[in-house]
Amino acid sequence: MTVAQLDNQEKEIFKARDLPILGLVCITASKEIRYRTITRTRYLKLSETERQTTLTSLYSDNINRLDKAVDFCQQHSIKLYRLPSGLFPMSDWEDNLGETILESMSAQLALIGAKAQQLGIRLVSHPDQFVVLSSDSEQVLANSIKILEGHAKIFDLLGLARSPWALMNIHGGKSQRIDRLVEVLAELPTHIRDRLTFENDEYSYSSAEILEVCKKSGVPMVFDAHHHICHEGLTSYDAPSVAEMFYAARETWTNPDWQLVHISNGQNSFSDRTHSDFITDMPSVYREAPWIEIEAKAKEEAIARVEAEWLMRK
């Protein structure tokens, strides 16, 4: 996607928007969006021929399911979709078989990416917890970069912008490694770094700490209000620091209209780290958020409820 195309798409989206855009995470509560997978244990038991056949079938099927996911989002007026982190399992394995098969399907992926762009559906990702850029272990760091390379490759095959519009959101990893994170970020290839965002978490990096990383590195911050209240021991999403961190995170976005935030609620209590089925409590300041990923187990049903019970409320 060229800069001009991205600017035009963005203008069309925001011309019609006066409320936050809500996003779907990976799958649906119904069976409409589901993806196939394979474990490494099972993969390693297969012969070379069986690996070829299995991955070809699996990737083809998941490409079709991704295409259906874009259609589902369009049908339900959902303009933000997070791809699953394991969309193409084993595509980064050392035998390079998965990578070769995936590249052979580049034409299909390009069509899906073009469709999403034409429909104004923003595609993003959240690589798994094994990405630890703050690690002192060269092996862990190399594996983390390899995972990010895989996500960036998929985004390139989809034809997505190399910018935070098509973001790859990660956590800080090992705690108290701010300088190490900034150092590693500066050395990343641009097709990875230009898409990266950092998110605060409940354990290792507070909102203030990840904000410092983002300011020093020039990487945008994805603010998660629930992680924030859990880390700080707060009792309300309207605690003053929630709004303060929301606005501070916005300052890290070169284009504030691209700012993305996350929301979840605790399942058994306000500060429970386990996600609930629905979102019943929202930060007031989130009405100013351009984009909100709804991290709730009920998925599209939770999005619909937020729209009806919070978004449209005066």
Protein backbone atom coordinates (compact mmCIF):
# COMPACT_ATOMS: atom_id res chain seq x y z
CA MET A 1 0.00 0.00 0.00
CA THR A 2 1.41 3.38 -0.95
CA VAL A 3 1.40 6.38 1.35
CA ALA A 4 -1.18 8.09 -0.84
CA GLN A 5 -3.47 5.05 -0.78
CA LEU A 6 -3.14 4.81 3.00
CA ASP A 7 -3.90 8.49 3.45
CA ASN A 8 -6.99 8.24 1.25
CA GLN A 9 -8.23 5.13 3.06
CA GLU A 10 -7.69 6.77 6.43
CA LYS A 11 -9.57 9.90 5.34
CA GLU A 12 -12.55 7.83 4.21
CA ILE A 13 -12.66 5.94 7.50
CA PHE A 14 -12.42 9.02 9.68
CA LYS A 15 -14.81 11.05 7.55
CA ALA A 16 -17.57 8.69 8.68
CA ARG A 17 -16.29 8.18 12.22
CA ASP A 18 -17.21 10.21 15.26
CA LEU A 19 -16.99 7.27 17.70
CA PRO A 20 -14.22 4.76 18.47
CA ILE A 21 -13.78 1.86 16.05
CA LEU A 22 -13.98 -1.52 17.80
CA GLY A 23 -11.81 -4.47 16.83
CA LEU A 24 -12.22 -8.24 16.75
CA VAL A 25 -9.43 -10.44 18.13
CA CYS A 26 -8.55 -13.52 16.05
CA ILE A 27 -11.66 -15.74 16.19
CA THR A 28 -15.39 -15.50 16.72
CA ALA A 29 -17.56 -16.83 19.54
CA SER A 30 -19.48 -18.65 16.84
CA LYS A 31 -17.73 -21.21 14.65
CA GLU A 32 -17.56 -18.84 11.68
CA ILE A 33 -13.91 -17.89 12.17
CA ARG A 34 -11.68 -20.77 13.22
CA TYR A 35 -8.17 -21.74 12.12
CA ARG A 36 -6.31 -25.03 11.84
CA THR A 37 -2.98 -25.64 13.52
CA ILE A 38 -0.33 -28.30 14.07
CA THR A 39 2.05 -28.86 16.97
CA ARG A 40 5.79 -29.11 16.49
CA THR A 41 5.72 -32.55 18.10
CA ARG A 42 3.32 -33.85 15.47
CA TYR A 43 5.15 -32.07 12.66
CA LEU A 44 8.49 -33.64 13.56
CA LYS A 45 6.96 -37.11 13.39
CA LEU A 46 5.97 -36.61 9.75
CA SER A 47 8.05 -37.65 6.76
CA GLU A 48 9.22 -34.93 4.36
CA THR A 49 6.44 -35.79 1.93
CA GLU A 50 3.84 -35.76 4.70
CA ARG A 51 5.11 -32.38 5.92
CA GLN A 52 4.72 -30.95 2.44
CA THR A 53 1.18 -32.26 2.05
CA THR A 54 0.10 -31.31 5.56
CA LEU A 55 1.38 -27.73 5.49
CA THR A 56 0.09 -27.11 1.97
CA SER A 57 -3.40 -28.19 3.03
CA LEU A 58 -3.25 -26.32 6.34
CA TYR A 59 -1.99 -23.04 4.86
CA SER A 60 -4.48 -23.15 2.01
CA ASP A 61 -7.31 -23.76 4.44
CA ASN A 62 -6.21 -20.96 6.77
CA ILE A 63 -5.89 -18.53 3.86
CA ASN A 64 -9.48 -19.31 2.94
CA ARG A 65 -10.52 -18.82 6.56
CA LEU A 66 -8.70 -15.49 6.73
CA ASP A 67 -10.58 -14.42 3.62
CA LYS A 68 -13.83 -15.39 5.34
CA ALA A 69 -12.73 -13.43 8.42
CA VAL A 70 -12.39 -10.28 6.31
CA ASP A 71 -15.86 -10.95 4.86
CA PHE A 72 -17.24 -11.50 8.36
CA CYS A 73 -15.82 -8.19 9.54
CA GLN A 74 -17.32 -6.40 6.57
CA GLN A 75 -20.74 -7.99 7.14
CA HIS A 76 -20.70 -6.96 10.82
CA SER A 77 -19.24 -3.46 10.23
CA ILE A 78 -16.03 -4.36 12.09
CA LYS A 79 -13.14 -2.27 10.77
CA LEU A 80 -10.29 -3.69 12.87
CA TYR A 81 -9.16 -7.32 12.88
CA ARG A 82 -6.27 -8.94 14.73
CA LEU A 83 -4.77 -11.89 12.89
CA PRO A 84 -3.98 -14.94 15.06
CA SER A 85 -0.29 -15.26 15.91
CA GLY A 86 -0.26 -18.91 14.77
CA LEU A 87 -1.91 -18.35 11.39
CA PHE A 88 0.77 -20.31 9.53
CA PRO A 89 2.40 -22.73 12.00
CA MET A 90 5.91 -24.02 11.18
CA SER A 91 6.43 -21.29 8.56
CA ASP A 92 9.51 -20.21 10.52
CA TRP A 93 10.86 -23.74 11.08
CA GLU A 94 14.49 -24.41 10.25
CA ASP A 95 13.70 -26.73 7.32
CA ASN A 96 12.30 -23.66 5.43
CA LEU A 97 9.52 -25.83 4.01
CA GLY A 98 6.72 -23.77 5.51
CA GLU A 99 8.26 -20.52 4.31
CA THR A 100 8.56 -21.88 0.77
CA ILE A 101 4.96 -23.11 0.73
CA LEU A 102 3.72 -19.79 2.10
CA GLU A 103 5.56 -17.82 -0.58
CA SER A 104 4.00 -20.04 -3.25
CA MET A 105 0.61 -18.79 -2.00
CA SER A 106 1.57 -15.11 -2.18
CA ALA A 107 -1.00 -14.32 -4.87
CA GLN A 108 -3.90 -15.46 -2.67
CA LEU A 109 -2.58 -13.52 0.30
CA ALA A 110 -2.14 -10.38 -1.79
CA LEU A 111 -5.78 -10.59 -2.85
CA ILE A 112 -6.94 -10.82 0.76
CA GLY A 113 -4.79 -7.87 1.78
CA ALA A 114 -6.10 -5.82 -1.14
CA LYS A 115 -9.68 -6.71 -0.21
CA ALA A 116 -9.17 -5.65 3.42
CA GLN A 117 -7.66 -2.35 2.29
CA GLN A 118 -10.48 -1.74 -0.18
CA LEU A 119 -13.07 -2.41 2.54
CA GLY A 120 -11.23 -0.17 5.02
CA ILE A 121 -10.50 -3.03 7.43
CA ARG A 122 -7.33 -2.45 9.41
CA LEU A 123 -5.29 -5.63 9.97
CA VAL A 124 -2.95 -5.93 12.98
CA SER A 125 -1.18 -8.68 14.93
CA HIS A 126 0.03 -9.53 18.43
CA PRO A 127 3.03 -11.92 18.25
CA ASP A 128 3.14 -14.45 21.08
CA GLN A 129 4.77 -14.23 24.49
CA PHE A 130 7.99 -15.85 23.27
CA VAL A 131 9.08 -12.50 21.81
CA VAL A 132 11.47 -11.14 24.45
CA LEU A 133 13.60 -8.39 22.94
CA SER A 134 14.95 -7.43 26.36
CA SER A 135 16.62 -10.79 26.96
CA ASP A 136 20.37 -11.06 27.59
CA SER A 137 20.32 -14.49 25.93
CA GLU A 138 21.47 -14.33 22.30
CA GLN A 139 19.43 -17.44 21.54
CA VAL A 140 16.22 -15.98 22.99
CA LEU A 141 16.82 -12.70 21.17
CA ALA A 142 17.51 -14.45 17.86
CA ASN A 143 14.33 -16.53 18.24
CA SER A 144 12.32 -13.40 19.09
CA ILE A 145 13.54 -11.62 15.99
CA LYS A 146 12.80 -14.73 13.92
CA ILE A 147 9.19 -14.70 15.16
CA LEU A 148 8.86 -11.02 14.26
CA GLU A 149 10.41 -11.70 10.85
CA GLY A 150 7.68 -14.27 10.26
CA HIS A 151 4.91 -11.82 11.13
CA ALA A 152 6.47 -9.10 9.00
CA LYS A 153 6.74 -11.57 6.10
CA ILE A 154 3.02 -12.37 6.32
CA PHE A 155 2.18 -8.66 6.38
CA ASP A 156 4.41 -8.07 3.36
CA LEU A 157 2.69 -10.92 1.49
CA LEU A 158 -0.66 -9.34 2.35
CA GLY A 159 0.65 -6.05 0.96
CA LEU A 160 0.16 -4.19 4.24
CA ALA A 161 1.85 -0.90 5.02
CA ARG A 162 5.21 -0.89 6.78
CA SER A 163 3.94 1.44 9.45
CA PRO A 164 1.98 1.31 12.74
CA TRP A 165 -1.19 1.29 10.66
CA ALA A 166 -0.47 -2.43 10.21
CA LEU A 167 1.05 -2.81 13.65
CA MET A 168 2.73 -5.78 15.30
CA ASN A 169 2.13 -5.26 19.01
CA ILE A 170 4.43 -6.81 21.64
CA HIS A 171 5.16 -6.64 25.37
CA GLY A 172 8.44 -5.58 26.93
CA GLY A 173 9.44 -9.04 28.11
CA LYS A 174 12.05 -9.33 30.85
CA SER A 175 11.61 -6.53 33.39
CA GLN A 176 14.04 -3.70 34.18
CA ARG A 177 15.65 -3.82 30.76
CA ILE A 178 14.58 -0.45 29.31
CA ASP A 179 18.00 0.43 27.91
CA ARG A 180 18.40 -3.07 26.48
CA LEU A 181 15.02 -2.81 24.73
CA VAL A 182 15.90 0.55 23.19
CA GLU A 183 19.28 -0.79 22.06
CA VAL A 184 17.76 -3.85 20.36
CA LEU A 185 15.00 -1.81 18.73
CA ALA A 186 17.53 0.47 17.08
CA GLU A 187 19.16 -2.53 15.41
CA LEU A 188 16.00 -4.20 14.07
CA PRO A 189 15.34 -4.31 10.31
CA THR A 190 13.04 -1.47 9.27
CA HIS A 191 10.28 -3.77 7.96
CA ILE A 192 9.92 -5.02 11.55
CA ARG A 193 10.68 -1.88 13.52
CA ASP A 194 8.40 0.39 11.48
CA ARG A 195 5.41 -1.79 12.39
CA LEU A 196 6.18 -2.38 16.07
CA THR A 197 4.17 -1.07 19.00
CA PHE A 198 4.71 -1.77 22.71
CA GLU A 199 1.99 -2.54 25.25
CA ASN A 200 2.11 -2.18 29.04
CA ASP A 201 1.46 -5.37 31.02
CA GLU A 202 0.42 -6.48 34.51
CA TYR A 203 3.78 -7.84 35.66
CA SER A 204 7.00 -6.67 34.02
CA TYR A 205 6.43 -3.22 32.53
CA SER A 206 4.12 -0.60 33.97
CA SER A 207 2.51 1.98 31.71
CA ALA A 208 5.11 4.54 32.78
CA GLU A 209 8.00 2.17 32.04
CA ILE A 210 6.77 1.12 28.62
CA LEU A 211 6.03 4.77 27.87
CA GLU A 212 9.70 5.52 28.56
CA VAL A 213 10.73 2.77 26.12
CA CYS A 214 8.41 4.20 23.48
CA LYS A 215 9.65 7.75 23.93
CA LYS A 216 13.30 6.72 23.71
CA SER A 217 12.82 4.42 20.73
CA GLY A 218 10.17 6.29 18.75
CA VAL A 219 7.88 3.24 18.83
CA PRO A 220 4.15 3.92 19.51
CA MET A 221 2.54 2.72 22.73
CA VAL A 222 -0.64 0.62 22.86
CA PHE A 223 -2.24 1.45 26.20
CA ASP A 224 -4.14 -1.33 27.97
CA ALA A 225 -6.32 0.07 30.75
CA HIS A 226 -6.94 -3.29 32.40
CA HIS A 227 -3.24 -4.14 32.54
CA HIS A 228 -2.72 -0.69 34.04
CA ILE A 229 -5.26 -1.04 36.84
CA CYS A 230 -3.97 -4.54 37.67
CA HIS A 231 -0.35 -3.39 37.83
CA GLU A 232 -1.14 -0.27 39.88
CA GLY A 233 -3.76 -1.86 42.16
CA LEU A 234 -6.49 0.60 41.13
CA THR A 235 -10.20 0.18 41.79
CA SER A 236 -11.65 2.13 38.85
CA TYR A 237 -10.98 2.67 35.15
CA ASP A 238 -11.63 6.33 35.85
CA ALA A 239 -8.71 6.67 38.25
CA PRO A 240 -6.78 9.80 37.16
CA SER A 241 -3.73 7.86 35.99
CA VAL A 242 -5.81 5.96 33.41
CA ALA A 243 -6.62 9.14 31.49
CA GLU A 244 -3.09 10.45 32.06
CA MET A 245 -1.53 7.35 30.52
CA PHE A 246 -4.04 7.31 27.67
CA TYR A 247 -3.05 10.84 26.66
CA ALA A 248 0.64 10.16 27.21
CA ALA A 249 0.42 7.11 24.96
CA ARG A 250 -1.29 9.19 22.28
CA GLU A 251 1.76 11.47 22.17
CA THR A 252 3.89 8.52 21.01
CA TRP A 253 1.84 8.15 17.81
CA THR A 254 3.09 10.24 14.89
CA ASN A 255 -0.48 10.05 13.61
CA PRO A 256 -2.82 10.27 16.66
CA ASP A 257 -5.72 8.99 14.53
CA TRP A 258 -3.97 5.62 14.41
CA GLN A 259 -3.78 5.26 18.18
CA LEU A 260 -4.90 1.80 19.32
CA VAL A 261 -5.88 0.83 22.87
CA HIS A 262 -6.96 -2.45 24.45
CA ILE A 263 -9.76 -3.18 26.89
CA SER A 264 -10.68 -6.24 28.91
CA ASN A 265 -12.50 -6.82 32.18
CA GLY A 266 -11.68 -9.23 34.98
CA GLN A 267 -13.66 -12.44 35.00
CA ASN A 268 -14.21 -12.90 38.74
CA SER A 269 -13.33 -9.47 40.11
CA PHE A 270 -12.42 -6.01 38.88
CA SER A 271 -8.68 -6.68 38.95
CA ASP A 272 -8.82 -10.34 37.90
CA ARG A 273 -6.27 -10.85 35.11
CA THR A 274 -8.44 -13.49 33.42
CA HIS A 275 -10.59 -11.99 30.67
CA SER A 276 -14.36 -11.96 31.11
CA ASP A 277 -16.90 -12.91 28.45
CA PHE A 278 -18.17 -9.36 28.02
CA ILE A 279 -17.06 -5.79 28.65
CA THR A 280 -19.26 -4.19 31.31
CA ASP A 281 -16.88 -1.47 32.47
CA MET A 282 -15.06 1.00 30.21
CA PRO A 283 -12.76 3.95 30.93
CA SER A 284 -14.56 7.20 30.20
CA VAL A 285 -11.50 8.50 28.37
CA TYR A 286 -11.80 5.67 25.85
CA ARG A 287 -14.55 7.63 24.13
CA GLU A 288 -11.67 9.63 22.69
CA ALA A 289 -9.84 6.54 21.43
CA PRO A 290 -9.80 6.15 17.65
CA TRP A 291 -9.41 2.35 17.78
CA ILE A 292 -10.20 -0.14 20.57
CA GLU A 293 -9.46 -3.85 20.52
CA ILE A 294 -12.10 -5.72 22.51
CA GLU A 295 -10.32 -8.49 24.41
CA ALA A 296 -13.30 -10.46 25.67
CA LYS A 297 -14.12 -14.15 25.34
CA ALA A 298 -17.50 -13.52 23.71
CA LYS A 299 -15.71 -11.85 20.77
CA GLU A 300 -18.22 -10.42 18.25
CA GLU A 301 -21.04 -10.70 20.81
CA ALA A 302 -18.99 -8.59 23.22
CA ILE A 303 -18.37 -6.02 20.46
CA ALA A 304 -22.09 -5.80 19.73
CA ARG A 305 -22.87 -5.31 23.41
CA VAL A 306 -20.24 -2.58 23.79
CA GLU A 307 -21.73 -0.82 20.77
CA ALA A 308 -25.25 -1.02 22.14
CA GLU A 309 -24.60 -0.38 25.83
CA TRP A 310 -21.61 1.99 25.82
CA LEU A 311 -20.75 3.36 22.41
CA MET A 312 -24.22 4.63 21.59
CA ARG A 313 -24.94 5.88 25.08
CA LYS A 314 -25.13 9.66 25.34
